[in-house]
């Protein structure tokens, strides 16, 4: 059965050079980072793992590719985010202020048609990797193409702070949204927007966690 070292070897051969060509300066196979202006780009590749495999039927080495952008003008509030001595931040994709994913464009029905759950047969957010590794090069090549077609454009579009702020404002109203939005507004010198979101944040914070004063 194929393991992580074999998959990582193909990632390094096919995907890592493309990431470097497109601005990623910390390329560690599965966890990759770029520092662009006020943005930290994150691309994480994770295997679905044994438990998910047992429940759904997907082989455990099958992968999901998460994207994220972390904005350095928003204060770090989690002690679980890695910060190196030089001050550089290394967030995971799920810790980022904007999150996305790459999608497969491969025809995987020859594998997925055998899955018992119809919903699993329709997934595009996972790449099926055969236990013997026979299709791993095809998979990573498709990940590369998905990055070049969609991923890099998503990163570049949302490195524009005004565009990213528009995306944040579309999000579901919640404490996290208000927190992010008020710092975006402050960074963009939008005083009325800052006051609006700061007030909403304080109101929601009081409702959720009580009066902290």
N, C-alpha and C. Protein backbone atom coordinates (compact mmCIF):
# COMPACT_ATOMS: atom_id res chain seq x y z
N UNK A 1 0.84 -1.21 0.00
CA UNK A 1 0.00 0.00 0.00
C UNK A 1 0.87 1.25 0.00
N UNK A 2 0.49 2.22 -0.81
CA UNK A 2 1.24 3.46 -0.89
C UNK A 2 1.12 4.25 0.41
N UNK A 3 2.18 4.97 0.76
CA UNK A 3 2.17 5.80 1.96
C UNK A 3 2.51 7.24 1.64
N UNK A 4 2.58 8.06 2.67
CA UNK A 4 2.86 9.49 2.48
C UNK A 4 4.17 9.77 1.77
N UNK A 5 5.27 9.05 2.07
CA UNK A 5 6.53 9.36 1.39
C UNK A 5 6.43 9.26 -0.14
N UNK A 6 5.70 8.26 -0.63
CA UNK A 6 5.57 8.09 -2.08
C UNK A 6 4.73 9.22 -2.68
N UNK A 7 3.65 9.61 -2.00
CA UNK A 7 2.82 10.71 -2.48
C UNK A 7 3.61 12.03 -2.43
N UNK A 8 4.32 12.23 -1.33
CA UNK A 8 5.10 13.46 -1.18
C UNK A 8 6.16 13.60 -2.27
N UNK A 9 6.75 12.50 -2.68
CA UNK A 9 7.77 12.53 -3.73
C UNK A 9 7.19 13.08 -5.03
N UNK A 10 5.98 12.65 -5.36
CA UNK A 10 5.34 13.12 -6.58
C UNK A 10 4.91 14.58 -6.44
N UNK A 11 4.44 14.97 -5.25
CA UNK A 11 4.10 16.38 -5.00
C UNK A 11 5.33 17.25 -5.23
N UNK A 12 6.47 16.84 -4.70
CA UNK A 12 7.69 17.63 -4.86
C UNK A 12 8.13 17.72 -6.33
N UNK A 13 7.87 16.67 -7.08
CA UNK A 13 8.29 16.66 -8.48
C UNK A 13 7.37 17.49 -9.37
N UNK A 14 6.05 17.41 -9.13
CA UNK A 14 5.09 18.01 -10.06
C UNK A 14 4.50 19.34 -9.58
N UNK A 15 4.21 19.45 -8.29
CA UNK A 15 3.50 20.62 -7.78
C UNK A 15 4.42 21.67 -7.18
N UNK A 16 5.39 21.25 -6.39
CA UNK A 16 6.24 22.21 -5.67
C UNK A 16 6.91 23.22 -6.59
N UNK A 17 7.47 22.81 -7.74
CA UNK A 17 8.09 23.82 -8.62
C UNK A 17 7.11 24.88 -9.10
N UNK A 18 5.88 24.48 -9.36
CA UNK A 18 4.86 25.43 -9.81
C UNK A 18 4.50 26.41 -8.71
N UNK A 19 4.43 25.94 -7.48
CA UNK A 19 4.16 26.84 -6.36
C UNK A 19 5.27 27.86 -6.21
N UNK A 20 6.51 27.42 -6.34
CA UNK A 20 7.65 28.34 -6.24
C UNK A 20 7.61 29.39 -7.35
N UNK A 21 7.22 28.97 -8.53
CA UNK A 21 7.14 29.89 -9.66
C UNK A 21 6.07 30.96 -9.47
N UNK A 22 5.12 30.67 -8.58
CA UNK A 22 3.98 31.58 -8.38
C UNK A 22 3.99 32.24 -7.00
N UNK A 23 5.19 32.40 -6.44
CA UNK A 23 5.31 33.23 -5.25
C UNK A 23 5.46 32.52 -3.92
N UNK A 24 5.28 31.20 -3.88
CA UNK A 24 5.42 30.48 -2.62
C UNK A 24 6.91 30.31 -2.29
N UNK A 25 7.30 30.81 -1.14
CA UNK A 25 8.72 30.79 -0.76
C UNK A 25 9.02 29.77 0.33
N UNK A 26 8.01 29.29 1.02
CA UNK A 26 8.18 28.22 2.01
C UNK A 26 7.37 27.03 1.50
N UNK A 27 8.04 26.14 0.80
CA UNK A 27 7.37 25.03 0.13
C UNK A 27 7.79 23.74 0.83
N UNK A 28 6.88 23.20 1.64
CA UNK A 28 7.18 22.01 2.44
C UNK A 28 6.27 20.84 2.07
N UNK A 29 6.11 20.60 0.80
CA UNK A 29 5.32 19.50 0.27
C UNK A 29 3.84 19.66 0.60
N UNK A 30 3.45 19.37 1.84
CA UNK A 30 2.04 19.42 2.21
C UNK A 30 1.60 20.79 2.72
N UNK A 31 2.53 21.56 3.28
CA UNK A 31 2.19 22.86 3.89
C UNK A 31 3.07 23.93 3.25
N UNK A 32 2.41 24.84 2.52
CA UNK A 32 3.14 25.78 1.69
C UNK A 32 2.67 27.21 1.96
N UNK A 33 3.64 28.16 1.96
CA UNK A 33 3.34 29.53 2.36
C UNK A 33 3.98 30.54 1.41
N UNK A 34 3.29 31.67 1.25
CA UNK A 34 3.83 32.82 0.53
C UNK A 34 3.47 34.07 1.31
N UNK A 35 4.39 35.02 1.36
CA UNK A 35 4.15 36.30 2.02
C UNK A 35 4.09 37.36 0.94
N UNK A 36 2.88 37.82 0.64
CA UNK A 36 2.64 38.77 -0.45
C UNK A 36 1.96 40.01 0.13
N UNK A 37 2.67 41.13 0.14
CA UNK A 37 2.13 42.38 0.68
C UNK A 37 1.61 42.14 2.10
N UNK A 38 0.33 42.42 2.36
CA UNK A 38 -0.25 42.22 3.69
C UNK A 38 -0.86 40.83 3.87
N UNK A 39 -0.60 39.94 2.92
CA UNK A 39 -1.27 38.64 2.91
C UNK A 39 -0.28 37.49 3.07
N UNK A 40 -0.73 36.48 3.76
CA UNK A 40 0.01 35.22 3.83
C UNK A 40 -0.84 34.17 3.11
N UNK A 41 -0.29 33.64 2.03
CA UNK A 41 -0.99 32.60 1.28
C UNK A 41 -0.65 31.25 1.89
N UNK A 42 -1.65 30.40 1.99
CA UNK A 42 -1.47 29.07 2.56
C UNK A 42 -2.11 28.03 1.65
N UNK A 43 -1.36 26.99 1.34
CA UNK A 43 -1.91 25.86 0.60
C UNK A 43 -1.53 24.59 1.35
N UNK A 44 -2.55 23.93 1.91
CA UNK A 44 -2.35 22.69 2.68
C UNK A 44 -2.93 21.50 1.94
N UNK A 45 -2.17 20.43 1.90
CA UNK A 45 -2.63 19.18 1.29
C UNK A 45 -2.73 18.14 2.39
N UNK A 46 -3.93 17.59 2.59
CA UNK A 46 -4.13 16.63 3.66
C UNK A 46 -4.72 15.33 3.13
N UNK A 47 -4.28 14.23 3.69
CA UNK A 47 -4.87 12.93 3.36
C UNK A 47 -6.16 12.75 4.16
N UNK A 48 -7.12 12.03 3.60
CA UNK A 48 -8.40 11.86 4.31
C UNK A 48 -8.24 11.00 5.55
N UNK A 49 -7.26 10.08 5.56
CA UNK A 49 -6.97 9.31 6.75
C UNK A 49 -7.79 8.03 6.90
N UNK A 50 -7.38 7.24 7.86
CA UNK A 50 -7.97 5.90 8.05
C UNK A 50 -9.43 5.96 8.50
N UNK A 51 -9.75 6.82 9.47
CA UNK A 51 -11.13 6.86 9.97
C UNK A 51 -12.09 7.24 8.86
N UNK A 52 -11.78 8.32 8.12
CA UNK A 52 -12.63 8.75 7.02
C UNK A 52 -12.76 7.64 5.99
N UNK A 53 -11.66 6.94 5.75
CA UNK A 53 -11.67 5.83 4.80
C UNK A 53 -12.61 4.72 5.25
N UNK A 54 -12.54 4.38 6.53
CA UNK A 54 -13.40 3.31 7.05
C UNK A 54 -14.88 3.67 6.96
N UNK A 55 -15.19 4.96 7.15
CA UNK A 55 -16.59 5.40 7.15
C UNK A 55 -17.14 5.53 5.73
N UNK A 56 -16.32 6.06 4.80
CA UNK A 56 -16.82 6.41 3.47
C UNK A 56 -16.40 5.46 2.35
N UNK A 57 -15.28 4.81 2.51
CA UNK A 57 -14.77 3.96 1.44
C UNK A 57 -13.67 4.60 0.60
N UNK A 58 -13.41 5.91 0.82
CA UNK A 58 -12.30 6.55 0.11
C UNK A 58 -10.98 5.98 0.62
N UNK A 59 -10.01 5.68 -0.25
CA UNK A 59 -8.71 5.20 0.23
C UNK A 59 -8.05 6.24 1.14
N UNK A 60 -7.35 5.81 2.18
CA UNK A 60 -6.83 6.75 3.19
C UNK A 60 -5.82 7.76 2.66
N UNK A 61 -5.13 7.47 1.57
CA UNK A 61 -4.16 8.42 1.03
C UNK A 61 -4.80 9.44 0.10
N UNK A 62 -6.11 9.32 -0.17
CA UNK A 62 -6.80 10.32 -0.98
C UNK A 62 -6.64 11.69 -0.34
N UNK A 63 -6.66 12.74 -1.14
CA UNK A 63 -6.27 14.06 -0.62
C UNK A 63 -7.31 15.14 -0.84
N UNK A 64 -7.22 16.15 0.00
CA UNK A 64 -8.00 17.38 -0.09
C UNK A 64 -7.01 18.53 -0.08
N UNK A 65 -7.27 19.58 -0.87
CA UNK A 65 -6.35 20.72 -0.95
C UNK A 65 -7.07 21.98 -0.49
N UNK A 66 -6.64 22.50 0.66
CA UNK A 66 -7.22 23.71 1.25
C UNK A 66 -6.38 24.93 0.89
N UNK A 67 -7.08 26.03 0.65
CA UNK A 67 -6.44 27.32 0.43
C UNK A 67 -6.82 28.28 1.55
N UNK A 68 -5.94 29.20 1.86
CA UNK A 68 -6.28 30.21 2.85
C UNK A 68 -5.44 31.46 2.67
N UNK A 69 -6.00 32.59 3.08
CA UNK A 69 -5.23 33.83 3.13
C UNK A 69 -5.40 34.42 4.53
N UNK A 70 -4.26 34.70 5.15
CA UNK A 70 -4.22 35.33 6.46
C UNK A 70 -3.71 36.75 6.28
N UNK A 71 -4.42 37.73 6.84
CA UNK A 71 -4.06 39.14 6.67
C UNK A 71 -3.33 39.63 7.91
N UNK A 72 -2.10 40.14 7.71
CA UNK A 72 -1.24 40.44 8.85
C UNK A 72 -1.61 41.69 9.62
N UNK A 73 -2.62 42.44 9.16
CA UNK A 73 -3.05 43.62 9.92
C UNK A 73 -4.18 43.28 10.90
N UNK A 74 -4.57 42.02 10.94
CA UNK A 74 -5.56 41.57 11.93
C UNK A 74 -4.81 40.91 13.08
N UNK A 75 -4.97 41.38 14.30
CA UNK A 75 -4.19 40.84 15.43
C UNK A 75 -4.40 39.34 15.62
N UNK A 76 -3.33 38.65 15.93
CA UNK A 76 -3.40 37.22 16.22
C UNK A 76 -4.06 37.02 17.57
N UNK A 77 -5.11 36.22 17.60
CA UNK A 77 -5.81 35.99 18.87
C UNK A 77 -5.75 34.53 19.31
N UNK A 78 -5.11 33.67 18.52
CA UNK A 78 -5.01 32.26 18.87
C UNK A 78 -3.57 31.90 19.18
N UNK A 79 -3.35 31.24 20.33
CA UNK A 79 -2.00 30.82 20.67
C UNK A 79 -1.61 29.54 19.94
N UNK A 80 -2.52 29.04 19.08
CA UNK A 80 -2.21 27.83 18.32
C UNK A 80 -1.61 28.14 16.95
N UNK A 81 -1.54 29.43 16.59
CA UNK A 81 -0.92 29.81 15.33
C UNK A 81 0.58 29.90 15.55
N UNK A 82 1.32 29.23 14.69
CA UNK A 82 2.78 29.20 14.80
C UNK A 82 3.37 30.54 14.39
N UNK A 83 4.18 31.12 15.28
CA UNK A 83 4.89 32.37 15.00
C UNK A 83 6.37 32.13 15.27
N UNK A 84 7.20 32.32 14.26
CA UNK A 84 8.63 32.10 14.43
C UNK A 84 9.29 33.32 15.07
N UNK A 85 10.56 33.16 15.46
CA UNK A 85 11.26 34.21 16.19
C UNK A 85 11.37 35.51 15.38
N UNK A 86 11.40 35.38 14.04
CA UNK A 86 11.48 36.59 13.22
C UNK A 86 10.13 37.27 13.03
N UNK A 87 9.09 36.72 13.67
CA UNK A 87 7.76 37.31 13.61
C UNK A 87 6.89 36.80 12.49
N UNK A 88 7.45 35.94 11.63
CA UNK A 88 6.63 35.42 10.53
C UNK A 88 5.59 34.45 11.06
N UNK A 89 4.37 34.58 10.51
CA UNK A 89 3.24 33.78 10.96
C UNK A 89 3.04 32.61 10.00
N UNK A 90 2.79 31.43 10.56
CA UNK A 90 2.57 30.23 9.76
C UNK A 90 1.20 29.62 10.12
N UNK A 91 0.12 30.22 9.65
CA UNK A 91 -1.20 29.69 9.99
C UNK A 91 -1.53 28.44 9.17
N UNK A 92 -2.40 27.62 9.71
CA UNK A 92 -3.02 26.55 8.94
C UNK A 92 -4.14 27.17 8.10
N UNK A 93 -4.56 26.47 7.08
CA UNK A 93 -5.60 27.03 6.21
C UNK A 93 -6.88 27.33 6.97
N UNK A 94 -7.24 26.47 7.95
CA UNK A 94 -8.49 26.70 8.69
C UNK A 94 -8.38 27.87 9.66
N UNK A 95 -7.17 28.39 9.88
CA UNK A 95 -6.99 29.56 10.74
C UNK A 95 -6.97 30.86 9.94
N UNK A 96 -7.09 30.77 8.63
CA UNK A 96 -7.00 31.94 7.78
C UNK A 96 -8.30 32.73 7.76
N UNK A 97 -8.20 34.02 7.44
CA UNK A 97 -9.37 34.90 7.42
C UNK A 97 -10.25 34.66 6.20
N UNK A 98 -9.67 34.26 5.08
CA UNK A 98 -10.43 33.79 3.92
C UNK A 98 -9.98 32.37 3.61
N UNK A 99 -10.95 31.52 3.27
CA UNK A 99 -10.64 30.12 3.02
C UNK A 99 -11.27 29.65 1.72
N UNK A 100 -10.58 28.75 1.05
CA UNK A 100 -11.07 28.17 -0.20
C UNK A 100 -10.54 26.76 -0.35
N UNK A 101 -10.73 26.19 -1.51
CA UNK A 101 -10.26 24.84 -1.77
C UNK A 101 -10.09 24.65 -3.27
N UNK A 102 -9.27 23.68 -3.64
CA UNK A 102 -9.18 23.29 -5.03
C UNK A 102 -10.13 22.14 -5.28
N UNK A 103 -10.59 22.03 -6.52
CA UNK A 103 -11.53 20.98 -6.90
C UNK A 103 -10.93 20.12 -8.00
N UNK A 104 -11.28 18.85 -7.97
CA UNK A 104 -10.82 17.91 -8.97
C UNK A 104 -11.61 18.07 -10.27
N UNK A 105 -10.91 17.98 -11.39
CA UNK A 105 -11.58 17.94 -12.69
C UNK A 105 -11.40 16.58 -13.35
N UNK A 106 -10.88 15.61 -12.60
CA UNK A 106 -10.74 14.26 -13.13
C UNK A 106 -12.08 13.53 -13.13
N UNK A 107 -12.26 12.62 -14.05
CA UNK A 107 -13.40 11.71 -14.02
C UNK A 107 -13.03 10.55 -13.09
N UNK A 108 -13.56 10.59 -11.87
CA UNK A 108 -13.21 9.59 -10.86
C UNK A 108 -14.34 8.57 -10.63
N UNK A 109 -15.32 8.58 -11.51
CA UNK A 109 -16.48 7.71 -11.29
C UNK A 109 -16.12 6.22 -11.33
N UNK A 110 -15.08 5.85 -12.04
CA UNK A 110 -14.69 4.43 -12.07
C UNK A 110 -14.30 3.95 -10.67
N UNK A 111 -13.89 4.88 -9.81
CA UNK A 111 -13.59 4.54 -8.42
C UNK A 111 -14.81 4.80 -7.53
N UNK A 112 -15.41 5.97 -7.69
CA UNK A 112 -16.45 6.43 -6.77
C UNK A 112 -17.77 5.70 -6.93
N UNK A 113 -18.01 5.10 -8.08
CA UNK A 113 -19.28 4.42 -8.31
C UNK A 113 -19.49 3.24 -7.37
N UNK A 114 -18.41 2.77 -6.76
CA UNK A 114 -18.53 1.64 -5.82
C UNK A 114 -18.81 2.09 -4.38
N UNK A 115 -18.82 3.39 -4.14
CA UNK A 115 -19.08 3.87 -2.79
C UNK A 115 -20.56 3.72 -2.45
N UNK A 116 -20.86 3.35 -1.20
CA UNK A 116 -22.25 3.07 -0.81
C UNK A 116 -23.09 4.33 -0.64
N UNK A 117 -22.46 5.45 -0.28
CA UNK A 117 -23.18 6.71 -0.05
C UNK A 117 -23.23 7.50 -1.36
N UNK A 118 -24.43 7.75 -1.91
CA UNK A 118 -24.53 8.51 -3.17
C UNK A 118 -23.86 9.88 -3.11
N UNK A 119 -23.91 10.52 -1.93
CA UNK A 119 -23.29 11.84 -1.80
C UNK A 119 -21.78 11.77 -2.01
N UNK A 120 -21.17 10.69 -1.56
CA UNK A 120 -19.73 10.54 -1.74
C UNK A 120 -19.36 10.35 -3.20
N UNK A 121 -20.28 9.82 -3.98
CA UNK A 121 -20.02 9.59 -5.40
C UNK A 121 -19.98 10.89 -6.21
N UNK A 122 -20.47 11.97 -5.62
CA UNK A 122 -20.57 13.24 -6.33
C UNK A 122 -19.48 14.23 -5.93
N UNK A 123 -18.61 13.85 -5.04
CA UNK A 123 -17.64 14.80 -4.50
C UNK A 123 -16.62 15.23 -5.55
N UNK A 124 -16.30 16.53 -5.52
CA UNK A 124 -15.26 17.09 -6.36
C UNK A 124 -14.11 17.66 -5.53
N UNK A 125 -14.30 17.68 -4.21
CA UNK A 125 -13.30 18.30 -3.33
C UNK A 125 -12.23 17.34 -2.86
N UNK A 126 -12.28 16.10 -3.35
CA UNK A 126 -11.28 15.10 -3.00
C UNK A 126 -10.70 14.47 -4.25
N UNK A 127 -9.45 14.07 -4.14
CA UNK A 127 -8.81 13.31 -5.20
C UNK A 127 -8.58 11.89 -4.70
N UNK A 128 -9.08 10.93 -5.46
CA UNK A 128 -8.96 9.51 -5.12
C UNK A 128 -7.56 9.03 -5.47
N UNK A 129 -6.86 8.49 -4.48
CA UNK A 129 -5.55 7.87 -4.72
C UNK A 129 -5.66 6.38 -4.42
N UNK A 130 -5.45 5.59 -5.43
CA UNK A 130 -5.53 4.13 -5.30
C UNK A 130 -4.53 3.62 -4.26
N UNK A 131 -4.92 2.62 -3.50
CA UNK A 131 -4.01 2.08 -2.47
C UNK A 131 -2.65 1.65 -3.02
N UNK A 132 -2.60 1.21 -4.27
CA UNK A 132 -1.32 0.79 -4.83
C UNK A 132 -0.55 1.96 -5.46
N UNK A 133 -1.14 3.17 -5.43
CA UNK A 133 -0.45 4.35 -5.94
C UNK A 133 -0.40 4.45 -7.45
N UNK A 134 -1.18 3.61 -8.14
CA UNK A 134 -1.09 3.55 -9.60
C UNK A 134 -1.53 4.84 -10.30
N UNK A 135 -2.33 5.68 -9.63
CA UNK A 135 -2.84 6.91 -10.27
C UNK A 135 -2.32 8.19 -9.60
N UNK A 136 -1.30 8.07 -8.75
CA UNK A 136 -0.88 9.24 -7.97
C UNK A 136 -0.32 10.35 -8.86
N UNK A 137 0.40 10.02 -9.92
CA UNK A 137 0.93 11.07 -10.79
C UNK A 137 -0.21 11.80 -11.51
N UNK A 138 -1.22 11.07 -11.93
CA UNK A 138 -2.38 11.70 -12.58
C UNK A 138 -3.07 12.64 -11.60
N UNK A 139 -3.19 12.24 -10.35
CA UNK A 139 -3.85 13.06 -9.33
C UNK A 139 -3.08 14.35 -9.09
N UNK A 140 -1.79 14.25 -8.84
CA UNK A 140 -1.01 15.46 -8.52
C UNK A 140 -0.92 16.37 -9.74
N UNK A 141 -0.88 15.81 -10.93
CA UNK A 141 -0.91 16.63 -12.14
C UNK A 141 -2.21 17.41 -12.22
N UNK A 142 -3.32 16.80 -11.82
CA UNK A 142 -4.61 17.49 -11.84
C UNK A 142 -4.68 18.55 -10.75
N UNK A 143 -4.10 18.27 -9.58
CA UNK A 143 -4.00 19.29 -8.53
C UNK A 143 -3.24 20.50 -9.06
N UNK A 144 -2.14 20.24 -9.74
CA UNK A 144 -1.34 21.33 -10.32
C UNK A 144 -2.17 22.15 -11.29
N UNK A 145 -2.92 21.49 -12.16
CA UNK A 145 -3.73 22.21 -13.14
C UNK A 145 -4.84 22.99 -12.47
N UNK A 146 -5.43 22.43 -11.41
CA UNK A 146 -6.47 23.14 -10.67
C UNK A 146 -5.90 24.39 -10.02
N UNK A 147 -4.68 24.29 -9.50
CA UNK A 147 -4.03 25.46 -8.90
C UNK A 147 -3.79 26.53 -9.96
N UNK A 148 -3.28 26.13 -11.12
CA UNK A 148 -2.96 27.09 -12.17
C UNK A 148 -4.21 27.72 -12.77
N UNK A 149 -5.30 26.95 -12.83
CA UNK A 149 -6.54 27.44 -13.43
C UNK A 149 -7.34 28.30 -12.46
N UNK A 150 -7.43 27.85 -11.21
CA UNK A 150 -8.32 28.52 -10.24
C UNK A 150 -7.60 29.03 -9.00
N UNK A 151 -6.70 28.24 -8.46
CA UNK A 151 -6.10 28.57 -7.17
C UNK A 151 -5.31 29.86 -7.18
N UNK A 152 -4.42 30.02 -8.14
CA UNK A 152 -3.57 31.21 -8.15
C UNK A 152 -4.41 32.47 -8.38
N UNK A 153 -5.47 32.34 -9.18
CA UNK A 153 -6.36 33.49 -9.40
C UNK A 153 -7.10 33.86 -8.12
N UNK A 154 -7.51 32.86 -7.35
CA UNK A 154 -8.17 33.12 -6.06
C UNK A 154 -7.23 33.85 -5.12
N UNK A 155 -5.98 33.41 -5.04
CA UNK A 155 -5.01 34.07 -4.19
C UNK A 155 -4.78 35.52 -4.62
N UNK A 156 -4.56 35.71 -5.91
CA UNK A 156 -4.25 37.06 -6.40
C UNK A 156 -5.44 38.01 -6.23
N UNK A 157 -6.63 37.52 -6.52
CA UNK A 157 -7.82 38.37 -6.38
C UNK A 157 -7.99 38.84 -4.94
N UNK A 158 -7.81 37.94 -4.00
CA UNK A 158 -8.08 38.28 -2.60
C UNK A 158 -6.88 38.87 -1.88
N UNK A 159 -5.75 39.06 -2.60
CA UNK A 159 -4.65 39.84 -2.06
C UNK A 159 -4.95 41.32 -2.19
N UNK A 160 -5.88 41.65 -3.08
CA UNK A 160 -6.42 43.01 -3.16
C UNK A 160 -7.31 43.21 -1.93
N UNK A 161 -6.88 44.08 -1.02
CA UNK A 161 -7.55 44.21 0.28
C UNK A 161 -9.00 44.68 0.12
N UNK A 162 -9.26 45.57 -0.82
CA UNK A 162 -10.63 46.02 -1.04
C UNK A 162 -11.51 44.88 -1.51
N UNK A 163 -10.99 44.05 -2.42
CA UNK A 163 -11.74 42.89 -2.89
C UNK A 163 -11.98 41.90 -1.75
N UNK A 164 -10.96 41.68 -0.95
CA UNK A 164 -11.11 40.75 0.18
C UNK A 164 -12.15 41.26 1.17
N UNK A 165 -12.16 42.57 1.41
CA UNK A 165 -13.15 43.15 2.31
C UNK A 165 -14.57 42.91 1.80
N UNK A 166 -14.75 42.99 0.49
CA UNK A 166 -16.05 42.70 -0.09
C UNK A 166 -16.46 41.26 0.19
N UNK A 167 -15.49 40.34 0.12
CA UNK A 167 -15.79 38.93 0.40
C UNK A 167 -16.14 38.73 1.87
N UNK A 168 -15.41 39.42 2.74
CA UNK A 168 -15.69 39.32 4.18
C UNK A 168 -17.11 39.82 4.47
N UNK A 169 -17.50 40.93 3.83
CA UNK A 169 -18.83 41.50 4.10
C UNK A 169 -19.95 40.59 3.63
N UNK A 170 -19.68 39.68 2.70
CA UNK A 170 -20.69 38.74 2.22
C UNK A 170 -20.92 37.58 3.17
N UNK A 171 -20.01 37.40 4.11
CA UNK A 171 -20.08 36.25 5.00
C UNK A 171 -21.29 36.35 5.94
N UNK A 172 -21.66 35.21 6.49
CA UNK A 172 -22.75 35.15 7.46
C UNK A 172 -22.42 36.00 8.68
N UNK A 173 -23.38 36.79 9.13
CA UNK A 173 -23.17 37.67 10.29
C UNK A 173 -22.82 36.85 11.52
N UNK A 174 -21.70 37.16 12.13
CA UNK A 174 -21.27 36.46 13.34
C UNK A 174 -20.13 37.24 13.97
N UNK A 175 -19.72 36.84 15.16
CA UNK A 175 -18.66 37.52 15.89
C UNK A 175 -17.36 37.55 15.08
N UNK A 176 -17.01 36.43 14.47
CA UNK A 176 -15.77 36.34 13.71
C UNK A 176 -15.79 37.30 12.52
N UNK A 177 -16.92 37.36 11.81
CA UNK A 177 -17.02 38.28 10.68
C UNK A 177 -16.83 39.72 11.14
N UNK A 178 -17.50 40.14 12.20
CA UNK A 178 -17.40 41.51 12.67
C UNK A 178 -15.98 41.85 13.09
N UNK A 179 -15.30 40.87 13.73
CA UNK A 179 -13.92 41.09 14.16
C UNK A 179 -13.02 41.35 12.95
N UNK A 180 -13.13 40.49 11.95
CA UNK A 180 -12.31 40.66 10.74
C UNK A 180 -12.66 41.97 10.04
N UNK A 181 -13.95 42.23 9.90
CA UNK A 181 -14.39 43.39 9.10
C UNK A 181 -13.93 44.71 9.72
N UNK A 182 -13.93 44.79 11.05
CA UNK A 182 -13.54 46.07 11.64
C UNK A 182 -12.06 46.37 11.40
N UNK A 183 -11.23 45.33 11.35
CA UNK A 183 -9.81 45.56 11.08
C UNK A 183 -9.55 45.82 9.60
N UNK A 184 -10.35 45.21 8.74
CA UNK A 184 -10.27 45.56 7.32
C UNK A 184 -10.63 47.03 7.13
N UNK A 185 -11.72 47.46 7.76
CA UNK A 185 -12.16 48.85 7.62
C UNK A 185 -11.11 49.81 8.15
N UNK A 186 -10.49 49.46 9.28
CA UNK A 186 -9.45 50.31 9.84
C UNK A 186 -8.25 50.40 8.89
N UNK A 187 -7.87 49.25 8.32
CA UNK A 187 -6.73 49.23 7.41
C UNK A 187 -7.00 50.06 6.16
N UNK A 188 -8.26 50.08 5.71
CA UNK A 188 -8.64 50.81 4.52
C UNK A 188 -9.05 52.25 4.83
N UNK A 189 -8.94 52.65 6.10
CA UNK A 189 -9.31 54.02 6.52
C UNK A 189 -10.77 54.34 6.23
N UNK A 190 -11.62 53.35 6.43
CA UNK A 190 -13.06 53.53 6.25
C UNK A 190 -13.66 53.73 7.64
N UNK A 191 -13.68 54.98 8.08
CA UNK A 191 -14.04 55.28 9.47
C UNK A 191 -15.46 54.86 9.81
N UNK A 192 -16.41 55.15 8.93
CA UNK A 192 -17.81 54.80 9.23
C UNK A 192 -18.00 53.29 9.27
N UNK A 193 -17.32 52.58 8.37
CA UNK A 193 -17.41 51.12 8.36
C UNK A 193 -16.77 50.55 9.62
N UNK A 194 -15.65 51.14 10.02
CA UNK A 194 -15.00 50.67 11.24
C UNK A 194 -15.93 50.83 12.44
N UNK A 195 -16.55 51.99 12.58
CA UNK A 195 -17.46 52.22 13.70
C UNK A 195 -18.63 51.25 13.67
N UNK A 196 -19.15 51.01 12.46
CA UNK A 196 -20.28 50.08 12.31
C UNK A 196 -19.90 48.68 12.77
N UNK A 197 -18.77 48.18 12.28
CA UNK A 197 -18.40 46.80 12.61
C UNK A 197 -17.86 46.67 14.02
N UNK A 198 -17.23 47.72 14.52
CA UNK A 198 -16.77 47.67 15.90
C UNK A 198 -17.96 47.60 16.85
N UNK A 199 -19.01 48.36 16.57
CA UNK A 199 -20.21 48.33 17.40
C UNK A 199 -20.88 46.96 17.31
N UNK A 200 -20.98 46.43 16.08
CA UNK A 200 -21.59 45.11 15.91
C UNK A 200 -20.78 44.03 16.63
N UNK A 201 -19.46 44.16 16.57
CA UNK A 201 -18.60 43.19 17.26
C UNK A 201 -18.83 43.24 18.77
N UNK A 202 -18.87 44.44 19.33
CA UNK A 202 -19.06 44.57 20.77
C UNK A 202 -20.42 44.04 21.21
N UNK A 203 -21.45 44.33 20.41
CA UNK A 203 -22.79 43.84 20.73
C UNK A 203 -22.84 42.31 20.69
N UNK A 204 -22.25 41.74 19.65
CA UNK A 204 -22.28 40.29 19.50
C UNK A 204 -21.41 39.61 20.56
N UNK A 205 -20.29 40.22 20.87
CA UNK A 205 -19.41 39.68 21.91
C UNK A 205 -20.14 39.65 23.26
N UNK A 206 -20.85 40.71 23.56
CA UNK A 206 -21.60 40.76 24.82
C UNK A 206 -22.70 39.70 24.83
N UNK A 207 -23.35 39.52 23.68
CA UNK A 207 -24.42 38.51 23.61
C UNK A 207 -23.87 37.10 23.77
N UNK A 208 -22.70 36.85 23.17
CA UNK A 208 -22.16 35.49 23.16
C UNK A 208 -21.41 35.14 24.44
N UNK A 209 -20.54 36.05 24.89
CA UNK A 209 -19.69 35.72 26.03
C UNK A 209 -19.94 36.57 27.26
N UNK A 210 -20.84 37.52 27.18
CA UNK A 210 -21.14 38.36 28.31
C UNK A 210 -20.31 39.62 28.34
N UNK A 211 -20.61 40.49 29.24
CA UNK A 211 -19.91 41.77 29.38
C UNK A 211 -18.54 41.52 30.00
N UNK A 212 -17.46 41.83 29.23
CA UNK A 212 -16.11 41.56 29.71
C UNK A 212 -15.52 42.72 30.51
N UNK A 213 -16.22 43.84 30.55
CA UNK A 213 -15.68 45.02 31.27
C UNK A 213 -15.80 44.84 32.78
